[in-house]
N, C-alpha and C. Protein backbone atom coordinates (compact mmCIF):
# COMPACT_ATOMS: atom_id res chain seq x y z
N MET A 1 -3.63 0.13 -12.63
CA MET A 1 -2.59 1.18 -12.11
C MET A 1 -1.01 0.56 -11.90
N GLY A 2 0.26 2.48 -12.22
CA GLY A 2 1.79 1.28 -11.97
C GLY A 2 1.43 2.60 -11.88
N THR A 3 3.55 2.43 -11.96
CA THR A 3 3.71 3.15 -11.63
C THR A 3 5.21 3.93 -13.28
N ARG A 4 5.56 4.87 -13.22
CA ARG A 4 6.83 5.84 -14.40
C ARG A 4 7.90 5.95 -13.01
N GLN A 5 8.96 6.32 -14.13
CA GLN A 5 9.79 6.82 -13.40
C GLN A 5 10.01 8.15 -14.54
N VAL A 6 9.78 9.57 -13.70
CA VAL A 6 9.56 10.67 -14.87
C VAL A 6 10.84 11.81 -14.64
N GLY A 7 12.29 11.72 -15.59
CA GLY A 7 13.38 12.88 -14.74
C GLY A 7 13.22 11.93 -12.87
N SER A 8 13.45 12.60 -11.35
CA SER A 8 13.46 11.99 -10.37
C SER A 8 12.47 12.44 -9.59
N ALA A 9 11.20 12.02 -10.73
CA ALA A 9 9.87 11.75 -9.73
C ALA A 9 9.74 10.01 -9.93
N ARG A 10 9.17 10.03 -9.00
CA ARG A 10 7.84 8.73 -9.56
C ARG A 10 6.70 9.18 -9.31
N VAL A 11 5.71 8.26 -10.87
CA VAL A 11 4.54 8.99 -11.32
C VAL A 11 3.34 7.56 -10.45
N VAL A 12 2.97 8.36 -10.09
CA VAL A 12 1.65 7.16 -10.50
C VAL A 12 0.64 6.91 -10.94
N LEU A 13 0.52 5.81 -11.93
CA LEU A 13 -0.62 5.98 -13.23
C LEU A 13 -1.59 4.99 -13.14
N ARG A 14 -2.66 5.48 -13.02
CA ARG A 14 -4.15 5.15 -12.77
C ARG A 14 -4.96 5.12 -14.78
N ARG A 15 -5.08 3.34 -14.71
CA ARG A 15 -6.01 3.74 -15.90
C ARG A 15 -7.52 4.62 -15.54
N THR A 16 -7.53 4.96 -16.13
CA THR A 16 -8.95 6.58 -16.10
C THR A 16 -9.10 6.25 -17.80
N GLY A 17 -9.88 7.32 -18.15
CA GLY A 17 -10.75 7.45 -19.26
C GLY A 17 -10.08 8.90 -20.12
N LEU A 18 -9.00 9.62 -18.60
CA LEU A 18 -9.09 10.82 -18.69
C LEU A 18 -6.61 10.73 -18.77
N PHE A 19 -6.47 10.76 -19.26
CA PHE A 19 -4.94 10.97 -19.33
C PHE A 19 -4.47 12.61 -18.53
N ALA A 20 -4.63 13.17 -19.00
CA ALA A 20 -4.56 15.17 -19.28
C ALA A 20 -3.62 15.32 -17.84
N VAL A 21 -3.94 14.09 -16.82
CA VAL A 21 -3.63 14.74 -15.24
C VAL A 21 -1.95 14.20 -15.74
N ALA A 22 -2.48 13.34 -16.30
CA ALA A 22 -0.45 12.29 -15.81
C ALA A 22 0.66 12.90 -17.03
N ALA A 23 -0.35 13.67 -18.06
CA ALA A 23 0.31 14.08 -19.70
C ALA A 23 0.66 15.52 -18.90
N GLY A 24 -0.51 16.18 -18.30
CA GLY A 24 0.29 17.58 -17.64
C GLY A 24 1.26 17.12 -16.54
N ALA A 25 1.33 16.62 -15.98
CA ALA A 25 2.06 16.69 -14.38
C ALA A 25 3.20 15.58 -15.55
N SER A 26 3.14 15.12 -16.90
CA SER A 26 4.22 15.04 -17.51
C SER A 26 5.49 16.60 -17.84
N LEU A 27 4.66 16.73 -18.85
CA LEU A 27 4.54 18.48 -19.59
C LEU A 27 5.72 19.19 -18.05
N ALA A 28 4.53 19.26 -17.23
CA ALA A 28 5.64 20.06 -15.63
C ALA A 28 7.04 19.39 -15.29
N LEU A 29 6.65 17.58 -15.28
CA LEU A 29 7.63 17.65 -15.08
C LEU A 29 9.28 17.43 -15.27
N LEU A 30 9.01 17.42 -16.80
CA LEU A 30 9.15 17.80 -18.17
C LEU A 30 11.06 19.43 -18.18
N ALA A 31 9.81 20.09 -17.67
CA ALA A 31 10.15 21.18 -17.49
C ALA A 31 11.64 22.04 -16.70
N GLY A 32 11.23 21.42 -15.27
CA GLY A 32 11.68 21.25 -14.01
C GLY A 32 13.44 20.63 -14.45
N PRO A 33 13.67 20.23 -14.61
CA PRO A 33 15.38 19.17 -14.28
C PRO A 33 15.48 19.91 -16.10
N ALA A 34 15.19 19.99 -16.91
CA ALA A 34 15.84 20.67 -18.28
C ALA A 34 16.24 22.21 -17.39
N ALA A 35 14.83 22.82 -17.28
CA ALA A 35 15.42 24.45 -17.11
C ALA A 35 16.49 24.25 -16.64
N SER A 36 17.22 23.43 -15.28
CA SER A 36 18.03 22.94 -14.35
C SER A 36 19.57 22.48 -14.87
N SER A 37 18.84 22.72 -15.89
CA SER A 37 20.75 21.49 -16.86
C SER A 37 21.46 22.30 -17.62
N GLY A 38 20.77 23.11 -17.84
CA GLY A 38 21.68 24.30 -18.95
C GLY A 38 20.95 24.25 -19.80
N ALA A 39 19.11 23.48 -20.44
CA ALA A 39 18.45 23.82 -21.37
C ALA A 39 17.93 24.17 -22.04
N GLN A 40 16.95 24.57 -23.30
CA GLN A 40 16.39 25.46 -23.37
C GLN A 40 15.39 25.31 -23.40
N VAL A 41 14.01 25.37 -22.93
CA VAL A 41 13.14 25.00 -22.97
C VAL A 41 11.42 25.95 -23.63
N THR A 42 11.04 26.12 -24.45
CA THR A 42 9.53 26.90 -24.75
C THR A 42 8.65 25.99 -25.40
N ARG A 43 7.84 26.28 -24.79
CA ARG A 43 6.11 26.35 -24.95
C ARG A 43 4.89 26.86 -25.60
N GLY A 44 3.71 26.35 -25.76
CA GLY A 44 2.61 27.23 -26.03
C GLY A 44 1.89 26.59 -26.00
N GLU A 45 0.79 27.15 -26.05
CA GLU A 45 -0.93 26.81 -25.87
C GLU A 45 -1.61 26.84 -27.36
N LEU A 46 -2.05 25.49 -27.22
CA LEU A 46 -2.00 25.25 -28.80
C LEU A 46 -3.86 25.77 -29.23
N HIS A 47 -4.44 27.31 -30.04
CA HIS A 47 -5.17 27.48 -31.28
C HIS A 47 -5.42 26.95 -32.01
N PRO A 48 -6.79 26.29 -32.75
CA PRO A 48 -7.10 26.08 -33.51
C PRO A 48 -7.24 26.81 -34.89
N PHE A 49 -6.23 26.62 -36.36
CA PHE A 49 -6.33 27.31 -37.49
C PHE A 49 -8.26 27.53 -37.63
N SER A 50 -8.03 28.41 -38.64
CA SER A 50 -9.28 28.21 -39.45
C SER A 50 -9.83 27.31 -40.82
N ALA A 51 -8.86 26.67 -40.63
CA ALA A 51 -9.22 25.57 -41.79
C ALA A 51 -10.12 24.57 -40.60
N ALA A 52 -9.43 24.30 -39.43
CA ALA A 52 -10.36 23.46 -38.54
C ALA A 52 -12.24 23.57 -38.88
N THR A 53 -12.42 22.72 -38.59
CA THR A 53 -14.45 22.62 -38.57
C THR A 53 -14.52 22.60 -37.62
N ALA A 54 -15.74 23.02 -37.78
CA ALA A 54 -16.52 23.83 -36.78
C ALA A 54 -16.76 22.42 -35.90
N SER A 55 -16.68 21.31 -35.51
CA SER A 55 -16.62 20.69 -34.37
C SER A 55 -14.70 20.40 -33.97
N GLU A 56 -13.77 21.05 -35.18
CA GLU A 56 -12.71 21.14 -34.52
C GLU A 56 -12.11 22.50 -33.74
N GLN A 57 -13.14 23.67 -33.75
CA GLN A 57 -12.84 24.58 -33.27
C GLN A 57 -12.62 24.77 -31.38
N SER A 58 -12.47 23.49 -31.33
CA SER A 58 -12.87 23.47 -29.60
C SER A 58 -11.61 23.07 -29.23
N ILE A 59 -10.53 22.71 -29.91
CA ILE A 59 -9.20 21.74 -29.52
C ILE A 59 -8.23 23.27 -28.96
N GLY A 60 -7.41 22.66 -27.79
CA GLY A 60 -6.32 23.43 -27.79
C GLY A 60 -5.40 21.93 -26.99
N GLY A 61 -4.66 22.93 -25.34
CA GLY A 61 -3.75 21.47 -25.75
C GLY A 61 -2.73 22.99 -25.01
N ARG A 62 -1.17 22.47 -25.41
CA ARG A 62 -0.47 22.52 -25.74
C ARG A 62 0.83 21.39 -26.14
N ALA A 63 1.74 22.55 -25.84
CA ALA A 63 3.30 21.65 -27.73
C ALA A 63 4.02 21.96 -25.77
N GLN A 64 5.17 21.50 -25.65
CA GLN A 64 6.93 21.60 -25.37
C GLN A 64 8.14 20.86 -26.12
N MET A 65 8.50 21.69 -25.94
CA MET A 65 10.16 21.70 -27.06
C MET A 65 11.47 21.58 -25.61
N VAL A 66 11.80 20.92 -25.69
CA VAL A 66 13.07 21.25 -24.63
C VAL A 66 14.61 20.49 -25.79
N ARG A 67 15.40 21.50 -25.67
CA ARG A 67 16.13 21.01 -26.26
C ARG A 67 17.61 21.54 -25.60
N THR A 68 18.23 19.58 -24.90
CA THR A 68 19.31 19.99 -23.69
C THR A 68 20.58 19.98 -23.91
N ALA A 69 20.45 20.25 -22.77
CA ALA A 69 22.22 20.53 -23.19
C ALA A 69 22.91 19.31 -23.73
N ASP A 70 22.43 17.97 -23.72
CA ASP A 70 23.77 16.88 -24.02
C ASP A 70 22.87 16.76 -26.11
N GLY A 71 22.72 18.23 -26.65
CA GLY A 71 22.19 17.96 -28.24
C GLY A 71 21.34 17.06 -28.00
N LYS A 72 20.68 16.94 -27.52
CA LYS A 72 18.71 16.49 -27.92
C LYS A 72 17.98 17.33 -28.15
N THR A 73 16.94 16.74 -28.73
CA THR A 73 15.14 17.74 -28.88
C THR A 73 14.08 16.99 -28.25
N LYS A 74 13.55 17.60 -27.82
CA LYS A 74 12.16 16.37 -26.47
C LYS A 74 10.90 17.65 -26.87
N VAL A 75 9.89 16.43 -27.84
CA VAL A 75 9.19 17.24 -28.18
C VAL A 75 7.57 17.03 -27.04
N SER A 76 6.39 16.95 -26.53
CA SER A 76 5.23 16.93 -25.70
C SER A 76 4.34 17.45 -26.03
N ILE A 77 3.31 16.35 -26.74
CA ILE A 77 1.90 17.37 -27.22
C ILE A 77 0.83 16.79 -26.17
N HIS A 78 0.42 18.04 -25.89
CA HIS A 78 -1.13 17.09 -24.83
C HIS A 78 -2.29 18.34 -25.78
N VAL A 79 -2.97 17.38 -25.95
CA VAL A 79 -4.46 17.68 -27.63
C VAL A 79 -5.21 17.17 -26.44
N THR A 80 -6.22 18.58 -26.63
CA THR A 80 -7.91 18.02 -25.80
C THR A 80 -8.99 18.18 -27.26
N GLY A 81 -10.26 17.95 -26.92
CA GLY A 81 -11.60 18.67 -28.16
C GLY A 81 -11.08 17.82 -29.57
N LEU A 82 -9.93 16.84 -30.00
CA LEU A 82 -10.57 16.35 -30.50
C LEU A 82 -11.03 14.65 -31.45
N ALA A 83 -11.70 14.23 -31.96
CA ALA A 83 -13.06 13.55 -32.11
C ALA A 83 -11.99 12.32 -31.87
N PRO A 84 -13.16 11.25 -31.27
CA PRO A 84 -12.59 10.16 -29.53
C PRO A 84 -12.40 9.47 -31.25
N GLY A 85 -11.12 7.69 -31.17
CA GLY A 85 -11.02 7.01 -31.44
C GLY A 85 -10.31 7.43 -32.53
N GLN A 86 -10.28 9.17 -33.51
CA GLN A 86 -9.13 9.07 -34.84
C GLN A 86 -7.49 9.42 -33.96
N SER A 87 -7.09 9.72 -35.57
CA SER A 87 -5.60 9.62 -34.98
C SER A 87 -5.49 10.96 -35.60
N TYR A 88 -4.54 11.29 -34.99
CA TYR A 88 -4.18 12.70 -35.60
C TYR A 88 -2.43 12.60 -35.48
N ASP A 89 -1.55 13.34 -37.24
CA ASP A 89 -0.16 13.78 -37.35
C ASP A 89 -0.25 15.08 -36.00
N SER A 90 0.94 14.91 -35.98
CA SER A 90 1.68 16.42 -35.12
C SER A 90 3.28 15.88 -35.57
N HIS A 91 3.53 17.50 -35.85
CA HIS A 91 5.02 17.42 -36.60
C HIS A 91 5.29 19.07 -36.39
N VAL A 92 6.69 19.08 -35.74
CA VAL A 92 7.77 20.82 -35.21
C VAL A 92 7.55 21.54 -36.77
N HIS A 93 6.96 21.56 -36.78
CA HIS A 93 7.38 23.10 -38.35
C HIS A 93 7.93 23.66 -37.67
N ALA A 94 8.46 24.66 -38.98
CA ALA A 94 9.81 25.64 -39.04
C ALA A 94 8.50 27.03 -39.35
N GLY A 95 8.71 28.04 -38.92
CA GLY A 95 8.25 29.69 -38.86
C GLY A 95 7.14 29.54 -37.22
N SER A 96 6.72 30.84 -37.02
CA SER A 96 5.45 31.01 -36.21
C SER A 96 4.14 29.92 -36.48
N CYS A 97 3.20 29.46 -35.55
CA CYS A 97 1.78 29.77 -36.58
C CYS A 97 0.85 30.72 -37.69
N ALA A 98 1.37 31.48 -37.72
CA ALA A 98 1.17 32.86 -38.10
C ALA A 98 1.83 32.18 -39.85
N VAL A 99 3.24 32.34 -40.30
CA VAL A 99 3.13 31.37 -41.46
C VAL A 99 3.11 30.68 -41.76
N ASN A 100 2.80 29.31 -40.70
CA ASN A 100 1.99 27.74 -40.92
C ASN A 100 0.43 27.81 -41.49
N ALA A 101 -0.07 28.55 -41.05
CA ALA A 101 -2.15 28.55 -41.02
C ALA A 101 -1.98 29.30 -42.66
N GLY A 102 -0.48 29.54 -43.51
CA GLY A 102 -0.47 30.35 -44.95
C GLY A 102 0.30 28.93 -46.03
N GLY A 103 0.44 28.03 -45.32
CA GLY A 103 1.47 26.72 -46.69
C GLY A 103 2.55 26.91 -46.00
N GLY A 104 3.39 27.03 -44.25
CA GLY A 104 4.26 27.07 -44.15
C GLY A 104 5.14 25.40 -44.20
N GLY A 105 5.78 24.48 -44.08
CA GLY A 105 6.45 22.77 -43.27
C GLY A 105 6.45 22.81 -42.30
N HIS A 106 6.83 21.22 -42.62
CA HIS A 106 8.03 21.19 -41.84
C HIS A 106 9.07 21.33 -41.65
N TYR A 107 9.49 21.25 -39.65
CA TYR A 107 10.96 21.33 -40.04
C TYR A 107 11.61 20.00 -39.79
N PHE A 108 12.91 20.29 -40.95
CA PHE A 108 14.24 19.26 -41.15
C PHE A 108 15.66 19.78 -40.86
N PHE A 109 15.83 18.30 -40.72
CA PHE A 109 17.44 19.06 -40.30
C PHE A 109 18.83 19.42 -41.24
N GLY A 110 18.08 18.60 -42.11
CA GLY A 110 19.53 18.77 -43.50
C GLY A 110 19.95 17.37 -43.74
N ALA A 111 19.94 16.51 -43.05
CA ALA A 111 19.83 15.33 -42.22
C ALA A 111 19.37 14.13 -41.54
N PRO A 112 18.85 12.81 -42.41
CA PRO A 112 18.81 12.85 -41.36
C PRO A 112 19.78 11.95 -39.55
N VAL A 113 18.60 12.56 -38.34
CA VAL A 113 19.70 12.13 -37.21
C VAL A 113 18.82 11.17 -36.11
N PRO A 114 19.26 10.84 -34.69
CA PRO A 114 18.86 9.21 -34.32
C PRO A 114 18.01 10.11 -33.95
N ASP A 115 17.41 8.34 -34.57
CA ASP A 115 16.27 8.83 -34.34
C ASP A 115 15.19 9.90 -34.48
N GLY A 116 15.52 10.35 -35.24
CA GLY A 116 14.16 11.45 -36.41
C GLY A 116 13.17 10.84 -36.70
N ASP A 117 12.18 11.11 -37.78
CA ASP A 117 11.01 11.26 -37.80
C ASP A 117 10.52 10.81 -39.09
N GLY A 118 9.90 11.00 -40.28
CA GLY A 118 8.83 11.28 -41.39
C GLY A 118 10.64 10.08 -42.26
N PRO A 119 9.94 10.82 -43.74
CA PRO A 119 11.22 9.37 -44.76
C PRO A 119 12.23 9.27 -44.44
N LEU A 120 13.27 10.21 -44.33
CA LEU A 120 14.68 10.35 -43.94
C LEU A 120 15.17 10.14 -42.93
N ALA A 121 14.64 10.62 -41.77
CA ALA A 121 15.12 10.75 -40.70
C ALA A 121 15.34 11.32 -39.70
N ASP A 122 14.58 13.24 -40.58
CA ASP A 122 15.36 14.40 -40.57
C ASP A 122 14.28 15.12 -39.54
N GLU A 123 13.20 14.75 -39.58
CA GLU A 123 11.66 15.38 -38.65
C GLU A 123 12.19 15.00 -37.17
N ILE A 124 10.77 16.33 -36.51
CA ILE A 124 10.44 16.04 -35.03
C ILE A 124 8.60 15.52 -35.26
N TRP A 125 7.80 13.96 -34.94
CA TRP A 125 7.16 14.08 -34.47
C TRP A 125 7.06 13.68 -33.33
N PRO A 126 5.66 14.35 -32.82
CA PRO A 126 5.35 13.94 -31.67
C PRO A 126 4.18 12.67 -31.06
N GLY A 127 3.91 13.32 -32.56
CA GLY A 127 2.63 12.38 -32.85
C GLY A 127 2.90 11.18 -34.15
N PRO A 128 1.83 10.07 -34.74
CA PRO A 128 0.52 10.94 -34.24
C PRO A 128 -0.35 10.46 -33.41
N VAL A 129 -0.98 10.85 -32.27
CA VAL A 129 -2.04 10.87 -31.30
C VAL A 129 -3.07 9.83 -31.70
N THR A 130 -3.81 9.50 -30.85
CA THR A 130 -5.13 8.94 -31.49
C THR A 130 -5.82 9.23 -30.26
N ALA A 131 -6.99 10.16 -30.20
CA ALA A 131 -7.50 10.49 -29.39
C ALA A 131 -8.23 9.51 -27.53
N ASN A 132 -8.76 9.87 -27.10
CA ASN A 132 -8.94 8.46 -26.31
C ASN A 132 -11.05 9.01 -26.04
N ARG A 133 -11.70 8.20 -25.25
CA ARG A 133 -13.01 8.56 -25.48
C ARG A 133 -13.42 9.10 -24.90
N GLY A 134 -12.28 10.24 -24.39
CA GLY A 134 -12.60 12.22 -23.52
C GLY A 134 -12.72 12.73 -24.66
N GLY A 135 -11.60 12.29 -25.84
CA GLY A 135 -10.96 12.80 -27.12
C GLY A 135 -9.90 13.65 -26.74
N VAL A 136 -9.32 13.07 -25.74
CA VAL A 136 -7.66 13.76 -25.79
C VAL A 136 -6.89 13.28 -26.46
N GLY A 137 -5.16 13.39 -26.71
CA GLY A 137 -4.50 13.49 -27.06
C GLY A 137 -3.07 13.34 -26.99
N ASN A 138 -2.71 11.89 -26.35
CA ASN A 138 -0.87 12.97 -26.26
C ASN A 138 -0.24 12.95 -26.69
N GLY A 139 1.27 12.30 -27.29
CA GLY A 139 2.14 12.17 -27.86
C GLY A 139 3.17 12.72 -27.57
N ASN A 140 5.09 12.50 -28.07
CA ASN A 140 5.61 12.99 -27.77
C ASN A 140 7.50 11.95 -28.53
N THR A 141 7.89 13.36 -28.24
CA THR A 141 9.25 12.25 -28.66
C THR A 141 10.70 13.07 -29.00
N ILE A 142 12.14 12.35 -28.72
CA ILE A 142 13.40 12.66 -28.15
C ILE A 142 13.99 12.25 -29.75
N VAL A 143 14.38 13.66 -29.95
CA VAL A 143 16.02 12.86 -31.11
C VAL A 143 17.16 12.89 -30.26
N GLY A 144 17.69 12.36 -31.70
CA GLY A 144 19.92 12.67 -31.22
C GLY A 144 19.83 13.61 -32.26
N ALA A 145 19.64 14.74 -32.29
CA ALA A 145 19.83 15.87 -32.61
C ALA A 145 19.30 17.23 -31.42
N THR A 146 19.84 18.75 -31.77
CA THR A 146 19.62 20.24 -31.75
C THR A 146 18.80 20.88 -31.99
N ALA A 147 17.40 21.07 -32.09
CA ALA A 147 16.98 21.33 -33.33
C ALA A 147 16.97 23.75 -33.23
N GLY A 148 16.70 23.71 -33.95
CA GLY A 148 17.58 24.38 -34.85
C GLY A 148 16.57 26.23 -34.53
N PRO A 149 16.94 27.34 -33.62
CA PRO A 149 15.92 28.57 -33.53
C PRO A 149 14.71 28.84 -35.07
N THR A 150 14.73 27.97 -36.20
CA THR A 150 14.05 27.83 -36.75
C THR A 150 12.22 26.56 -36.52
N ALA A 151 12.61 26.16 -35.86
CA ALA A 151 11.55 24.90 -34.98
C ALA A 151 10.80 25.59 -34.51
N ALA A 152 9.30 26.35 -34.33
CA ALA A 152 8.96 27.21 -34.00
C ALA A 152 7.66 26.09 -33.82
N SER A 153 7.12 26.24 -34.06
CA SER A 153 6.02 25.40 -33.99
C SER A 153 5.86 24.36 -33.67
N VAL A 154 4.65 24.18 -33.31
CA VAL A 154 4.13 22.48 -33.58
C VAL A 154 2.51 22.16 -33.69
N VAL A 155 2.57 21.36 -35.56
CA VAL A 155 1.11 22.00 -35.79
C VAL A 155 0.22 20.18 -35.95
N ILE A 156 -1.22 20.15 -36.06
CA ILE A 156 -1.60 18.81 -35.70
C ILE A 156 -2.68 19.00 -36.90
N HIS A 157 -2.42 17.77 -37.34
CA HIS A 157 -3.07 17.86 -39.31
C HIS A 157 -4.27 16.37 -38.72
N ARG A 158 -5.29 16.65 -39.13
CA ARG A 158 -6.33 15.59 -39.57
C ARG A 158 -5.54 14.41 -40.63
N SER A 159 -6.78 13.56 -40.82
CA SER A 159 -5.76 12.62 -42.27
C SER A 159 -7.05 13.65 -43.16
N GLY A 160 -6.58 13.24 -43.94
CA GLY A 160 -7.57 14.38 -45.87
C GLY A 160 -6.71 15.13 -46.64
N PRO A 161 -7.40 15.51 -47.52
CA PRO A 161 -6.54 16.12 -48.40
C PRO A 161 -6.45 17.33 -48.05
N ALA A 162 -5.10 18.23 -48.65
CA ALA A 162 -5.09 19.67 -47.25
C ALA A 162 -6.26 20.78 -48.21
N PRO A 163 -6.88 21.63 -47.46
CA PRO A 163 -5.83 22.04 -46.34
C PRO A 163 -6.27 21.09 -44.21
N ASN A 164 -4.81 20.45 -43.85
CA ASN A 164 -6.14 19.65 -43.09
C ASN A 164 -4.52 19.92 -41.56
N LYS A 165 -3.80 21.31 -41.61
CA LYS A 165 -4.03 22.10 -40.74
C LYS A 165 -5.28 22.28 -39.24
N ILE A 166 -4.86 21.46 -38.19
CA ILE A 166 -6.39 21.90 -37.39
C ILE A 166 -5.78 22.75 -36.11
N ALA A 167 -4.47 22.42 -36.38
CA ALA A 167 -4.05 23.86 -34.77
C ALA A 167 -2.23 23.87 -34.75
N CYS A 168 -2.57 24.96 -33.77
CA CYS A 168 -0.85 25.16 -33.94
C CYS A 168 -0.85 25.49 -32.92
N ALA A 169 0.74 25.66 -32.38
CA ALA A 169 1.16 25.96 -30.94
C ALA A 169 2.83 27.11 -32.01
N ASP A 170 2.32 28.07 -30.90
CA ASP A 170 3.78 28.84 -31.08
C ASP A 170 5.10 28.35 -30.17
N LEU A 171 6.37 28.19 -30.52
CA LEU A 171 7.56 27.09 -28.67
C LEU A 171 7.71 28.65 -28.95
N THR A 172 7.80 29.12 -28.04
CA THR A 172 8.43 30.56 -27.30
C THR A 172 8.17 30.88 -25.63
């Protein structure tokens, strides 16, 4: 057990097989102070893509993006229904889930950004996430630039060849 400062709140963390409560609290706390500071908050529910296997059709959860007033972008995800112990990539994508189901790509800033992800440090990756024994995975990242309006969804990928996009959340 430990504590962590999240915004102006202190959260008590307990070591259990389920971290969903802490993750949910983190997403809720992230929205509160951000909304009052002039930040833009977008969020959405994760839904499986048609490329998801039968066992992946139960994937759910949520994603949230905060474009802060001081020029940063924070992205958090909470994913349920994953295979225990497996790792999954997650990236902010350009366009909606409908666009990404048909082959849309990652969101790029166009130049490297502080704490950016990807080979050129110009992307936003709130993962990879590794599912715990209960099939729950959480991820987050903060990059030192404000994502543009085309940064509109978060996609979860399984390892392996395409098609490997298994779930998506539209950020609205």
